[in-house]
Amino acid sequence: MRMVLKAQIPVEAGNEAIRNGTMSKVIESALESIKPEAAYFTTDDGYRTAFLYFDMQDSSQMPVVAESFFLDMNANVTIKPVMNTDDLRKGLKAMQGGI
């Protein structure tokens, strides 16, 4: 299932992670293990924020995906299912006649 991981990194933890080199290691490790179809980095509500869109085969992958953000950067992490345009079209078509 296609998912989005949102990791918001607190300012002080992010500053320290940049100073000690942890930030790039955590990001590169996440990209390597998750293999996202897209990755975006921005600010959100005043925090450094990463959005990683990836395919999750099983919910047991959640610790592998999230723990380095929690442990290494004290990040606020959410993981949610998402759809692309084709998924939405498929869902809407399946609903036709069913309502």
C-alpha atoms as a PDB file:
ATOM      1  CA  MET A   1       0.000   0.000   0.000  1.00  0.00           C
ATOM      2  CA  ARG A   2       1.246   3.460  -0.868  1.00  0.00           C
ATOM      3  CA  MET A   3       2.045   5.452   2.272  1.00  0.00           C
ATOM      4  CA  VAL A   4       3.415   8.857   3.198  1.00  0.00           C
ATOM      5  CA  LEU A   5       5.784   9.295   6.092  1.00  0.00           C
ATOM      6  CA  LYS A   6       5.922  12.802   7.517  1.00  0.00           C
ATOM      7  CA  ALA A   7       8.849  13.467   9.852  1.00  0.00           C
ATOM      8  CA  GLN A   8       8.970  16.832  11.631  1.00  0.00           C
ATOM      9  CA  ILE A   9      12.304  17.464  13.312  1.00  0.00           C
ATOM     10  CA  PRO A  10      12.389  19.825  16.305  1.00  0.00           C
ATOM     11  CA  VAL A  11      14.679  22.808  15.774  1.00  0.00           C
ATOM     12  CA  GLU A  12      17.204  22.032  18.519  1.00  0.00           C
ATOM     13  CA  ALA A  13      17.395  18.318  17.667  1.00  0.00           C
ATOM     14  CA  GLY A  14      17.760  19.215  13.984  1.00  0.00           C
ATOM     15  CA  ASN A  15      20.497  21.735  14.709  1.00  0.00           C
ATOM     16  CA  GLU A  16      22.419  19.137  16.708  1.00  0.00           C
ATOM     17  CA  ALA A  17      21.875  16.481  14.018  1.00  0.00           C
ATOM     18  CA  ILE A  18      23.304  18.836  11.397  1.00  0.00           C
ATOM     19  CA  ARG A  19      26.267  19.794  13.594  1.00  0.00           C
ATOM     20  CA  ASN A  20      27.223  16.201  14.397  1.00  0.00           C
ATOM     21  CA  GLY A  21      26.489  14.765  10.928  1.00  0.00           C
ATOM     22  CA  THR A  22      23.550  12.607  12.019  1.00  0.00           C
ATOM     23  CA  MET A  23      20.996  14.370   9.794  1.00  0.00           C
ATOM     24  CA  SER A  24      22.511  13.305   6.480  1.00  0.00           C
ATOM     25  CA  LYS A  25      23.141   9.765   7.760  1.00  0.00           C
ATOM     26  CA  VAL A  26      19.540   9.318   8.942  1.00  0.00           C
ATOM     27  CA  ILE A  27      18.097  10.739   5.715  1.00  0.00           C
ATOM     28  CA  GLU A  28      20.373   8.648   3.483  1.00  0.00           C
ATOM     29  CA  SER A  29      19.659   5.514   5.524  1.00  0.00           C
ATOM     30  CA  ALA A  30      15.900   6.133   5.304  1.00  0.00           C
ATOM     31  CA  LEU A  31      16.076   6.681   1.554  1.00  0.00           C
ATOM     32  CA  GLU A  32      18.103   3.510   1.116  1.00  0.00           C
ATOM     33  CA  SER A  33      15.849   1.293   3.236  1.00  0.00           C
ATOM     34  CA  ILE A  34      12.462   2.762   2.270  1.00  0.00           C
ATOM     35  CA  LYS A  35      13.235   3.378  -1.409  1.00  0.00           C
ATOM     36  CA  PRO A  36      10.530   6.036  -1.717  1.00  0.00           C
ATOM     37  CA  GLU A  37       8.929   6.793  -5.066  1.00  0.00           C
ATOM     38  CA  ALA A  38       9.224  10.456  -4.068  1.00  0.00           C
ATOM     39  CA  ALA A  39      10.915  12.377  -1.261  1.00  0.00           C
ATOM     40  CA  TYR A  40      10.349  16.035  -0.456  1.00  0.00           C
ATOM     41  CA  PHE A  41      11.996  18.222   2.167  1.00  0.00           C
ATOM     42  CA  THR A  42      10.573  21.520   3.382  1.00  0.00           C
ATOM     43  CA  THR A  43       9.503  23.386   6.487  1.00  0.00           C
ATOM     44  CA  ASP A  44       6.112  22.798   8.087  1.00  0.00           C
ATOM     45  CA  ASP A  45       4.854  24.624  11.178  1.00  0.00           C
ATOM     46  CA  GLY A  46       8.393  25.883  11.777  1.00  0.00           C
ATOM     47  CA  TYR A  47      10.037  22.423  11.690  1.00  0.00           C
ATOM     48  CA  ARG A  48      12.379  20.807   9.215  1.00  0.00           C
ATOM     49  CA  THR A  49      10.078  18.289   7.560  1.00  0.00           C
ATOM     50  CA  ALA A  50      10.478  15.287   5.287  1.00  0.00           C
ATOM     51  CA  PHE A  51       7.689  13.709   3.238  1.00  0.00           C
ATOM     52  CA  LEU A  52       8.557  10.243   1.926  1.00  0.00           C
ATOM     53  CA  TYR A  53       6.090   8.440  -0.360  1.00  0.00           C
ATOM     54  CA  PHE A  54       6.703   4.696  -0.405  1.00  0.00           C
ATOM     55  CA  ASP A  55       5.101   1.278  -0.739  1.00  0.00           C
ATOM     56  CA  MET A  56       4.546  -0.575   2.548  1.00  0.00           C
ATOM     57  CA  GLN A  57       4.083  -4.292   2.082  1.00  0.00           C
ATOM     58  CA  ASP A  58       3.305  -5.055   5.723  1.00  0.00           C
ATOM     59  CA  SER A  59       2.596  -3.020   8.848  1.00  0.00           C
ATOM     60  CA  SER A  60       5.585  -4.680  10.519  1.00  0.00           C
ATOM     61  CA  GLN A  61       7.731  -2.309   8.426  1.00  0.00           C
ATOM     62  CA  MET A  62       6.627   0.672  10.543  1.00  0.00           C
ATOM     63  CA  PRO A  63       9.432   0.402  13.134  1.00  0.00           C
ATOM     64  CA  VAL A  64      12.067   0.042  10.420  1.00  0.00           C
ATOM     65  CA  VAL A  65      10.701   3.091   8.628  1.00  0.00           C
ATOM     66  CA  ALA A  66      10.165   5.378  11.628  1.00  0.00           C
ATOM     67  CA  GLU A  67      12.528   4.534  14.482  1.00  0.00           C
ATOM     68  CA  SER A  68      15.646   6.274  13.196  1.00  0.00           C
ATOM     69  CA  PHE A  69      13.685   9.525  12.936  1.00  0.00           C
ATOM     70  CA  PHE A  70      12.403   9.059  16.496  1.00  0.00           C
ATOM     71  CA  LEU A  71      15.668   7.909  18.044  1.00  0.00           C
ATOM     72  CA  ASP A  72      18.229   9.981  16.169  1.00  0.00           C
ATOM     73  CA  MET A  73      16.330  13.246  15.696  1.00  0.00           C
ATOM     74  CA  ASN A  74      13.493  13.259  18.231  1.00  0.00           C
ATOM     75  CA  ALA A  75      11.122  13.703  15.276  1.00  0.00           C
ATOM     76  CA  ASN A  76       7.345  13.737  15.289  1.00  0.00           C
ATOM     77  CA  VAL A  77       6.491  10.978  12.778  1.00  0.00           C
ATOM     78  CA  THR A  78       3.196  10.128  11.108  1.00  0.00           C
ATOM     79  CA  ILE A  79       2.566   7.408   8.538  1.00  0.00           C
ATOM     80  CA  LYS A  80      -0.658   7.478   6.525  1.00  0.00           C
ATOM     81  CA  PRO A  81      -2.056   5.705   3.473  1.00  0.00           C
ATOM     82  CA  VAL A  82      -2.297   7.870   0.365  1.00  0.00           C
ATOM     83  CA  MET A  83      -3.606   7.532  -3.181  1.00  0.00           C
ATOM     84  CA  ASN A  84      -2.293   8.743  -6.485  1.00  0.00           C
ATOM     85  CA  THR A  85      -4.636   9.842  -9.275  1.00  0.00           C
ATOM     86  CA  ASP A  86      -4.971   6.321 -10.684  1.00  0.00           C
ATOM     87  CA  ASP A  87      -5.871   4.952  -7.232  1.00  0.00           C
ATOM     88  CA  LEU A  88      -8.538   7.635  -6.795  1.00  0.00           C
ATOM     89  CA  ARG A  89     -10.044   6.938 -10.220  1.00  0.00           C
ATOM     90  CA  LYS A  90     -10.151   3.216  -9.438  1.00  0.00           C
ATOM     91  CA  GLY A  91     -11.840   3.853  -6.072  1.00  0.00           C
ATOM     92  CA  LEU A  92     -14.393   6.233  -7.527  1.00  0.00           C
ATOM     93  CA  LYS A  93     -15.200   3.812 -10.343  1.00  0.00           C
ATOM     94  CA  ALA A  94     -15.737   1.011  -7.821  1.00  0.00           C
ATOM     95  CA  MET A  95     -18.224   3.219  -5.982  1.00  0.00           C
ATOM     96  CA  GLN A  96     -20.382   3.894  -9.048  1.00  0.00           C
ATOM     97  CA  GLY A  97     -23.784   2.341  -8.596  1.00  0.00           C
ATOM     98  CA  GLY A  98     -23.009   1.366  -5.019  1.00  0.00           C
ATOM     99  CA  ILE A  99     -24.362   4.456  -3.315  1.00  0.00           C
END
